[in-house]
Amino acid sequence: MIFIPIANIYIIFVLMIAIAKSFGKDAGFGIGLVFLGFIFWPILGFGDAKYIGPNGISEMRNDIDAIGNN
């Protein structure tokens, strides 16, 4: 999909927003990764962001919620 001329723009935005959400950031941070990557990638890499799972879904959080609902 990245090699299809118009679809690649959409896919880049989707990927960067998914990466931002994986580190607990919002969609605005993902847009920043697209347009100002030279600023936002170091913030993501050297800041306090922690990987919480794909698209921000933490499996541990789901397990804790499942225990709490019993």
C-alpha atoms as a PDB file:
ATOM      1  CA  MET A   1       0.000   0.000   0.000  1.00  0.00           C
ATOM      2  CA  ILE A   2       2.875   2.388   0.626  1.00  0.00           C
ATOM      3  CA  PHE A   3       3.814   2.282  -3.088  1.00  0.00           C
ATOM      4  CA  ILE A   4       0.345   3.252  -4.370  1.00  0.00           C
ATOM      5  CA  PRO A   5       0.576   6.992  -5.126  1.00  0.00           C
ATOM      6  CA  ILE A   6      -2.386   8.482  -3.244  1.00  0.00           C
ATOM      7  CA  ALA A   7      -2.979   5.702  -0.739  1.00  0.00           C
ATOM      8  CA  ASN A   8       0.533   6.057   0.670  1.00  0.00           C
ATOM      9  CA  ILE A   9      -0.306   9.473   2.146  1.00  0.00           C
ATOM     10  CA  TYR A  10      -3.275   8.008   3.998  1.00  0.00           C
ATOM     11  CA  ILE A  11      -1.285   4.975   5.160  1.00  0.00           C
ATOM     12  CA  ILE A  12       1.547   7.157   6.537  1.00  0.00           C
ATOM     13  CA  PHE A  13      -0.944   9.099   8.659  1.00  0.00           C
ATOM     14  CA  VAL A  14      -2.585   5.896   9.912  1.00  0.00           C
ATOM     15  CA  LEU A  15       0.789   4.353  10.790  1.00  0.00           C
ATOM     16  CA  MET A  16       2.099   7.413  12.635  1.00  0.00           C
ATOM     17  CA  ILE A  17      -1.116   7.812  14.638  1.00  0.00           C
ATOM     18  CA  ALA A  18      -0.978   4.102  15.542  1.00  0.00           C
ATOM     19  CA  ILE A  19       2.644   4.468  16.676  1.00  0.00           C
ATOM     20  CA  ALA A  20       1.755   7.499  18.783  1.00  0.00           C
ATOM     21  CA  LYS A  21      -1.144   5.647  20.413  1.00  0.00           C
ATOM     22  CA  SER A  22       1.144   2.672  21.086  1.00  0.00           C
ATOM     23  CA  PHE A  23       3.233   4.952  23.267  1.00  0.00           C
ATOM     24  CA  GLY A  24       0.294   6.581  25.078  1.00  0.00           C
ATOM     25  CA  LYS A  25       0.173   9.737  22.962  1.00  0.00           C
ATOM     26  CA  ASP A  26      -2.840  11.147  21.149  1.00  0.00           C
ATOM     27  CA  ALA A  27      -3.579  11.542  17.430  1.00  0.00           C
ATOM     28  CA  GLY A  28      -2.155  15.064  17.421  1.00  0.00           C
ATOM     29  CA  PHE A  29       1.228  13.658  18.357  1.00  0.00           C
ATOM     30  CA  GLY A  30       0.916  11.232  15.445  1.00  0.00           C
ATOM     31  CA  ILE A  31       0.275  14.137  13.073  1.00  0.00           C
ATOM     32  CA  GLY A  32       3.378  15.771  14.527  1.00  0.00           C
ATOM     33  CA  LEU A  33       5.347  12.620  13.700  1.00  0.00           C
ATOM     34  CA  VAL A  34       4.290  13.030  10.066  1.00  0.00           C
ATOM     35  CA  PHE A  35       5.004  16.737   9.607  1.00  0.00           C
ATOM     36  CA  LEU A  36       7.714  17.473  12.181  1.00  0.00           C
ATOM     37  CA  GLY A  37       9.298  14.074  12.628  1.00  0.00           C
ATOM     38  CA  PHE A  38      12.725  15.515  13.362  1.00  0.00           C
ATOM     39  CA  ILE A  39      11.241  17.037  16.523  1.00  0.00           C
ATOM     40  CA  PHE A  40       8.624  14.459  17.546  1.00  0.00           C
ATOM     41  CA  TRP A  41      10.677  11.249  17.050  1.00  0.00           C
ATOM     42  CA  PRO A  42      13.344  12.347  19.580  1.00  0.00           C
ATOM     43  CA  ILE A  43      10.588  13.381  21.989  1.00  0.00           C
ATOM     44  CA  LEU A  44       9.106   9.914  21.649  1.00  0.00           C
ATOM     45  CA  GLY A  45      12.475   8.186  21.898  1.00  0.00           C
ATOM     46  CA  PHE A  46      14.112  10.155  24.687  1.00  0.00           C
ATOM     47  CA  GLY A  47      11.029  11.288  26.604  1.00  0.00           C
ATOM     48  CA  ASP A  48       9.030   9.469  29.246  1.00  0.00           C
ATOM     49  CA  ALA A  49       6.800   7.586  26.774  1.00  0.00           C
ATOM     50  CA  LYS A  50       6.365   3.891  27.490  1.00  0.00           C
ATOM     51  CA  TYR A  51       5.157   1.263  25.050  1.00  0.00           C
ATOM     52  CA  ILE A  52       1.683   0.193  26.153  1.00  0.00           C
ATOM     53  CA  GLY A  53       0.751  -2.136  23.327  1.00  0.00           C
ATOM     54  CA  PRO A  54      -0.441  -1.996  19.751  1.00  0.00           C
ATOM     55  CA  ASN A  55      -2.638   1.065  19.165  1.00  0.00           C
ATOM     56  CA  GLY A  56      -2.556   1.819  22.873  1.00  0.00           C
ATOM     57  CA  ILE A  57      -4.274  -1.360  23.998  1.00  0.00           C
ATOM     58  CA  SER A  58      -2.553  -2.626  27.102  1.00  0.00           C
ATOM     59  CA  GLU A  59      -3.063  -6.321  27.693  1.00  0.00           C
ATOM     60  CA  MET A  60      -2.223  -5.916  31.376  1.00  0.00           C
ATOM     61  CA  ARG A  61      -4.936  -3.275  31.711  1.00  0.00           C
ATOM     62  CA  ASN A  62      -7.444  -5.642  30.109  1.00  0.00           C
ATOM     63  CA  ASP A  63      -6.444  -8.401  32.537  1.00  0.00           C
ATOM     64  CA  ILE A  64      -6.824  -6.097  35.532  1.00  0.00           C
ATOM     65  CA  ASP A  65     -10.235  -4.952  34.301  1.00  0.00           C
ATOM     66  CA  ALA A  66     -11.304  -8.590  33.845  1.00  0.00           C
ATOM     67  CA  ILE A  67     -10.284  -9.400  37.427  1.00  0.00           C
ATOM     68  CA  GLY A  68     -12.085  -6.318  38.737  1.00  0.00           C
ATOM     69  CA  ASN A  69     -15.332  -7.249  36.964  1.00  0.00           C
ATOM     70  CA  ASN A  70     -15.589 -10.664  38.666  1.00  0.00           C
END
